[in-house]
């Protein structure tokens, strides 16, 4: 759809949970995700898991999340991404999310 004053109508907000498996801890992966997500304009968080994976929740428009997904599959320098497990969450989950942040970083 097109709106005369705004150009294209705003896409609906989507919320996704990702679990990234591989060599993703100790290689700057959380900082990589934080930088890309902030650059794209997403809200959410990223953190390490006790099992050695990286977990994140991101909220944004479909095209923003597609861009993030592509970055997650590529990974940071020194990382090795074996799998990206993705789940869609309810839109209401976005209400709890602020600017993209790294959880558990000192």
N, C-alpha and C. Protein backbone atom coordinates (compact mmCIF):
# COMPACT_ATOMS: atom_id res chain seq x y z
N UNK A 1 0.85 -1.19 0.00
CA UNK A 1 0.00 0.00 0.00
C UNK A 1 0.88 1.24 0.00
N UNK A 2 0.31 2.31 -0.46
CA UNK A 2 1.07 3.54 -0.51
C UNK A 2 0.25 4.66 0.11
N UNK A 3 0.91 5.44 0.94
CA UNK A 3 0.29 6.59 1.60
C UNK A 3 0.91 7.83 0.97
N UNK A 4 0.10 8.79 0.56
CA UNK A 4 0.59 9.97 -0.16
C UNK A 4 1.60 10.78 0.65
N UNK A 5 1.47 10.84 1.96
CA UNK A 5 2.37 11.67 2.75
C UNK A 5 3.59 10.91 3.28
N UNK A 6 3.46 9.61 3.49
CA UNK A 6 4.56 8.85 4.10
C UNK A 6 5.27 7.92 3.12
N UNK A 7 4.85 7.85 1.89
CA UNK A 7 5.42 6.88 0.98
C UNK A 7 4.78 5.53 1.25
N UNK A 8 5.59 4.52 1.46
CA UNK A 8 5.03 3.20 1.73
C UNK A 8 4.54 3.12 3.16
N UNK A 9 3.44 2.40 3.34
CA UNK A 9 2.87 2.22 4.68
C UNK A 9 3.88 1.45 5.53
N UNK A 10 3.88 1.73 6.80
CA UNK A 10 4.78 1.06 7.72
C UNK A 10 4.46 -0.43 7.77
N UNK A 11 5.51 -1.25 7.74
CA UNK A 11 5.33 -2.69 7.86
C UNK A 11 4.99 -3.01 9.30
N UNK A 12 4.39 -4.16 9.51
CA UNK A 12 4.05 -4.54 10.87
C UNK A 12 5.30 -5.00 11.63
N UNK A 13 5.30 -4.74 12.91
CA UNK A 13 6.41 -5.11 13.77
C UNK A 13 6.44 -6.61 13.96
N UNK A 14 7.61 -7.19 13.86
CA UNK A 14 7.79 -8.62 14.06
C UNK A 14 8.81 -8.81 15.17
N UNK A 15 8.68 -9.90 15.92
CA UNK A 15 9.62 -10.22 16.99
C UNK A 15 10.12 -11.64 16.78
N UNK A 16 11.44 -11.81 16.82
CA UNK A 16 12.03 -13.12 16.59
C UNK A 16 13.04 -13.46 17.69
N UNK A 17 13.09 -14.74 18.02
CA UNK A 17 14.08 -15.28 18.95
C UNK A 17 15.04 -16.11 18.10
N UNK A 18 16.34 -15.93 18.34
CA UNK A 18 17.36 -16.67 17.60
C UNK A 18 18.29 -17.37 18.60
N UNK A 19 18.72 -18.56 18.24
CA UNK A 19 19.74 -19.28 18.98
C UNK A 19 20.81 -19.64 17.96
N UNK A 20 22.03 -19.15 18.18
CA UNK A 20 23.11 -19.36 17.23
C UNK A 20 24.07 -20.37 17.83
N UNK A 21 24.32 -21.44 17.08
CA UNK A 21 25.19 -22.52 17.54
C UNK A 21 26.46 -22.54 16.70
N UNK A 22 27.56 -22.91 17.33
CA UNK A 22 28.85 -22.98 16.66
C UNK A 22 29.92 -22.40 17.56
N UNK A 23 31.00 -21.91 16.96
CA UNK A 23 32.03 -21.23 17.74
C UNK A 23 31.64 -19.74 17.78
N UNK A 24 30.83 -19.39 18.79
CA UNK A 24 30.26 -18.05 18.85
C UNK A 24 30.51 -17.35 20.19
N UNK A 25 31.26 -18.00 21.07
CA UNK A 25 31.63 -17.34 22.33
C UNK A 25 33.13 -17.13 22.34
N UNK A 26 33.55 -15.98 22.87
CA UNK A 26 34.97 -15.65 22.93
C UNK A 26 35.53 -15.14 21.61
N UNK A 27 34.67 -14.81 20.67
CA UNK A 27 35.12 -14.34 19.35
C UNK A 27 34.47 -13.01 18.96
N UNK A 28 33.87 -12.31 19.93
CA UNK A 28 33.25 -11.02 19.66
C UNK A 28 31.90 -11.10 18.98
N UNK A 29 31.26 -12.28 19.03
CA UNK A 29 29.99 -12.45 18.32
C UNK A 29 28.88 -11.57 18.87
N UNK A 30 28.77 -11.45 20.21
CA UNK A 30 27.72 -10.60 20.79
C UNK A 30 27.91 -9.15 20.36
N UNK A 31 29.14 -8.69 20.33
CA UNK A 31 29.42 -7.30 19.94
C UNK A 31 29.12 -7.10 18.46
N UNK A 32 29.41 -8.12 17.66
CA UNK A 32 29.07 -8.09 16.23
C UNK A 32 27.56 -7.96 16.05
N UNK A 33 26.79 -8.80 16.77
CA UNK A 33 25.33 -8.77 16.68
C UNK A 33 24.81 -7.42 17.14
N UNK A 34 25.34 -6.93 18.25
CA UNK A 34 24.90 -5.63 18.79
C UNK A 34 25.11 -4.53 17.75
N UNK A 35 26.28 -4.49 17.15
CA UNK A 35 26.58 -3.45 16.15
C UNK A 35 25.67 -3.52 14.94
N UNK A 36 25.46 -4.73 14.41
CA UNK A 36 24.60 -4.89 13.24
C UNK A 36 23.15 -4.53 13.56
N UNK A 37 22.66 -5.04 14.70
CA UNK A 37 21.26 -4.79 15.08
C UNK A 37 21.01 -3.30 15.29
N UNK A 38 21.95 -2.63 15.95
CA UNK A 38 21.80 -1.19 16.19
C UNK A 38 21.85 -0.43 14.86
N UNK A 39 22.74 -0.84 13.97
CA UNK A 39 22.87 -0.20 12.65
C UNK A 39 21.58 -0.36 11.84
N UNK A 40 20.97 -1.53 11.93
CA UNK A 40 19.74 -1.83 11.20
C UNK A 40 18.54 -1.10 11.82
N UNK A 41 18.63 -0.81 13.12
CA UNK A 41 17.54 -0.11 13.80
C UNK A 41 16.60 -1.02 14.58
N UNK A 42 17.11 -2.17 15.00
CA UNK A 42 16.29 -3.12 15.75
C UNK A 42 16.31 -2.83 17.24
N UNK A 43 15.29 -3.32 17.94
CA UNK A 43 15.24 -3.30 19.39
C UNK A 43 15.48 -4.72 19.87
N UNK A 44 16.01 -4.89 21.10
CA UNK A 44 16.18 -6.23 21.63
C UNK A 44 17.42 -6.40 22.45
N UNK A 45 17.89 -7.66 22.54
CA UNK A 45 19.05 -8.01 23.35
C UNK A 45 19.75 -9.24 22.79
N UNK A 46 21.01 -9.40 23.21
CA UNK A 46 21.81 -10.56 22.86
C UNK A 46 22.60 -10.97 24.09
N UNK A 47 22.79 -12.30 24.27
CA UNK A 47 23.57 -12.80 25.41
C UNK A 47 24.14 -14.17 25.10
N UNK A 48 25.16 -14.55 25.87
CA UNK A 48 25.70 -15.90 25.82
C UNK A 48 24.81 -16.83 26.63
N UNK A 49 24.78 -18.10 26.25
CA UNK A 49 24.07 -19.10 27.05
C UNK A 49 25.10 -19.97 27.75
N UNK A 50 24.67 -20.65 28.80
CA UNK A 50 25.56 -21.55 29.52
C UNK A 50 25.99 -22.73 28.67
N UNK A 51 25.21 -23.07 27.67
CA UNK A 51 25.51 -24.20 26.78
C UNK A 51 26.54 -23.85 25.70
N UNK A 52 27.02 -22.58 25.67
CA UNK A 52 28.03 -22.19 24.69
C UNK A 52 27.47 -21.58 23.42
N UNK A 53 26.19 -21.28 23.40
CA UNK A 53 25.57 -20.66 22.23
C UNK A 53 25.38 -19.16 22.49
N UNK A 54 24.84 -18.46 21.51
CA UNK A 54 24.44 -17.06 21.66
C UNK A 54 22.94 -17.01 21.37
N UNK A 55 22.23 -16.29 22.25
CA UNK A 55 20.78 -16.17 22.14
C UNK A 55 20.44 -14.69 21.97
N UNK A 56 19.41 -14.39 21.17
CA UNK A 56 18.98 -13.02 21.04
C UNK A 56 17.51 -12.93 20.69
N UNK A 57 16.93 -11.81 21.04
CA UNK A 57 15.57 -11.46 20.65
C UNK A 57 15.66 -10.11 19.95
N UNK A 58 15.03 -10.01 18.79
CA UNK A 58 15.06 -8.77 18.03
C UNK A 58 13.66 -8.43 17.53
N UNK A 59 13.35 -7.15 17.55
CA UNK A 59 12.06 -6.66 17.07
C UNK A 59 12.29 -5.60 16.00
N UNK A 60 11.56 -5.73 14.91
CA UNK A 60 11.66 -4.77 13.82
C UNK A 60 10.75 -5.18 12.68
N UNK A 61 10.94 -4.56 11.55
CA UNK A 61 10.15 -4.89 10.37
C UNK A 61 10.78 -6.08 9.67
N UNK A 62 10.01 -6.74 8.84
CA UNK A 62 10.46 -7.97 8.16
C UNK A 62 11.79 -7.78 7.43
N UNK A 63 11.93 -6.68 6.68
CA UNK A 63 13.17 -6.48 5.93
C UNK A 63 14.37 -6.27 6.86
N UNK A 64 14.17 -5.65 8.01
CA UNK A 64 15.24 -5.47 8.98
C UNK A 64 15.67 -6.83 9.56
N UNK A 65 14.69 -7.66 9.87
CA UNK A 65 14.99 -8.98 10.43
C UNK A 65 15.65 -9.88 9.40
N UNK A 66 15.30 -9.72 8.15
CA UNK A 66 15.97 -10.48 7.08
C UNK A 66 17.43 -10.09 7.00
N UNK A 67 17.71 -8.80 7.10
CA UNK A 67 19.09 -8.31 7.07
C UNK A 67 19.87 -8.86 8.26
N UNK A 68 19.26 -8.88 9.44
CA UNK A 68 19.92 -9.43 10.63
C UNK A 68 20.18 -10.93 10.43
N UNK A 69 19.19 -11.67 9.95
CA UNK A 69 19.34 -13.11 9.74
C UNK A 69 20.54 -13.40 8.84
N UNK A 70 20.69 -12.63 7.77
CA UNK A 70 21.83 -12.82 6.86
C UNK A 70 23.15 -12.59 7.60
N UNK A 71 23.20 -11.56 8.44
CA UNK A 71 24.41 -11.27 9.21
C UNK A 71 24.70 -12.40 10.21
N UNK A 72 23.67 -12.93 10.85
CA UNK A 72 23.86 -14.01 11.82
C UNK A 72 24.46 -15.25 11.15
N UNK A 73 24.03 -15.56 9.94
CA UNK A 73 24.56 -16.72 9.23
C UNK A 73 26.03 -16.51 8.85
N UNK A 74 26.41 -15.28 8.53
CA UNK A 74 27.81 -14.99 8.18
C UNK A 74 28.69 -15.00 9.42
N UNK A 75 28.22 -14.39 10.50
CA UNK A 75 28.99 -14.34 11.74
C UNK A 75 30.09 -13.31 11.73
N UNK A 76 30.75 -13.21 12.87
CA UNK A 76 31.84 -12.26 13.05
C UNK A 76 33.16 -12.92 12.64
N UNK A 77 34.18 -12.11 12.49
CA UNK A 77 35.51 -12.63 12.19
C UNK A 77 35.92 -13.56 13.34
N UNK A 78 36.38 -14.74 13.01
CA UNK A 78 36.81 -15.69 14.02
C UNK A 78 35.71 -16.61 14.51
N UNK A 79 34.48 -16.33 14.14
CA UNK A 79 33.38 -17.21 14.58
C UNK A 79 33.12 -18.28 13.52
N UNK A 80 32.37 -19.28 13.91
CA UNK A 80 31.90 -20.30 12.98
C UNK A 80 30.44 -20.57 13.34
N UNK A 81 29.55 -20.25 12.45
CA UNK A 81 28.12 -20.46 12.70
C UNK A 81 27.71 -21.79 12.08
N UNK A 82 27.30 -22.72 12.96
CA UNK A 82 26.85 -24.03 12.50
C UNK A 82 25.34 -24.06 12.27
N UNK A 83 24.60 -23.30 13.07
CA UNK A 83 23.13 -23.31 12.94
C UNK A 83 22.56 -22.02 13.52
N UNK A 84 21.49 -21.54 12.90
CA UNK A 84 20.71 -20.41 13.41
C UNK A 84 19.28 -20.93 13.55
N UNK A 85 18.84 -21.10 14.81
CA UNK A 85 17.49 -21.57 15.09
C UNK A 85 16.63 -20.34 15.34
N UNK A 86 15.55 -20.22 14.60
CA UNK A 86 14.72 -19.01 14.65
C UNK A 86 13.28 -19.36 15.00
N UNK A 87 12.71 -18.56 15.91
CA UNK A 87 11.30 -18.72 16.28
C UNK A 87 10.63 -17.35 16.26
N UNK A 88 9.42 -17.31 15.75
CA UNK A 88 8.64 -16.07 15.77
C UNK A 88 7.94 -15.96 17.12
N UNK A 89 7.98 -14.77 17.73
CA UNK A 89 7.31 -14.50 18.99
C UNK A 89 6.12 -13.60 18.74
N UNK A 90 5.23 -13.49 19.73
CA UNK A 90 4.08 -12.59 19.61
C UNK A 90 4.54 -11.15 19.58
N UNK A 91 3.83 -10.34 18.83
CA UNK A 91 4.16 -8.92 18.69
C UNK A 91 4.21 -8.21 20.04
N UNK A 92 3.42 -8.66 21.02
CA UNK A 92 3.40 -8.02 22.35
C UNK A 92 4.76 -8.11 23.04
N UNK A 93 5.58 -9.10 22.67
CA UNK A 93 6.91 -9.23 23.27
C UNK A 93 7.76 -7.99 23.00
N UNK A 94 7.47 -7.28 21.93
CA UNK A 94 8.25 -6.09 21.57
C UNK A 94 8.09 -4.98 22.61
N UNK A 95 6.97 -4.98 23.32
CA UNK A 95 6.72 -3.93 24.32
C UNK A 95 7.76 -3.95 25.43
N UNK A 96 8.37 -5.09 25.68
CA UNK A 96 9.37 -5.24 26.74
C UNK A 96 10.77 -4.85 26.28
N UNK A 97 10.94 -4.61 24.99
CA UNK A 97 12.27 -4.41 24.43
C UNK A 97 12.61 -2.94 24.25
N UNK A 98 13.83 -2.60 24.64
CA UNK A 98 14.33 -1.24 24.44
C UNK A 98 15.38 -1.24 23.35
N UNK A 99 16.22 -0.21 23.33
CA UNK A 99 17.32 -0.17 22.36
C UNK A 99 18.15 -1.44 22.48
N UNK A 100 18.70 -1.91 21.38
CA UNK A 100 19.43 -3.18 21.36
C UNK A 100 20.60 -3.13 22.33
N UNK A 101 20.72 -4.17 23.17
CA UNK A 101 21.77 -4.19 24.18
C UNK A 101 22.37 -5.59 24.34
N UNK A 102 23.55 -5.61 24.92
CA UNK A 102 24.21 -6.87 25.26
C UNK A 102 23.93 -7.15 26.73
N UNK A 103 23.32 -8.29 27.00
CA UNK A 103 23.06 -8.66 28.38
C UNK A 103 24.25 -9.46 28.92
N UNK A 104 24.61 -9.18 30.16
CA UNK A 104 25.70 -9.91 30.79
C UNK A 104 27.08 -9.43 30.43
N UNK A 105 27.20 -8.30 29.76
CA UNK A 105 28.51 -7.75 29.42
C UNK A 105 28.93 -6.75 30.49
N UNK A 106 30.18 -6.83 30.86
CA UNK A 106 30.65 -5.93 31.93
C UNK A 106 31.31 -4.73 31.35
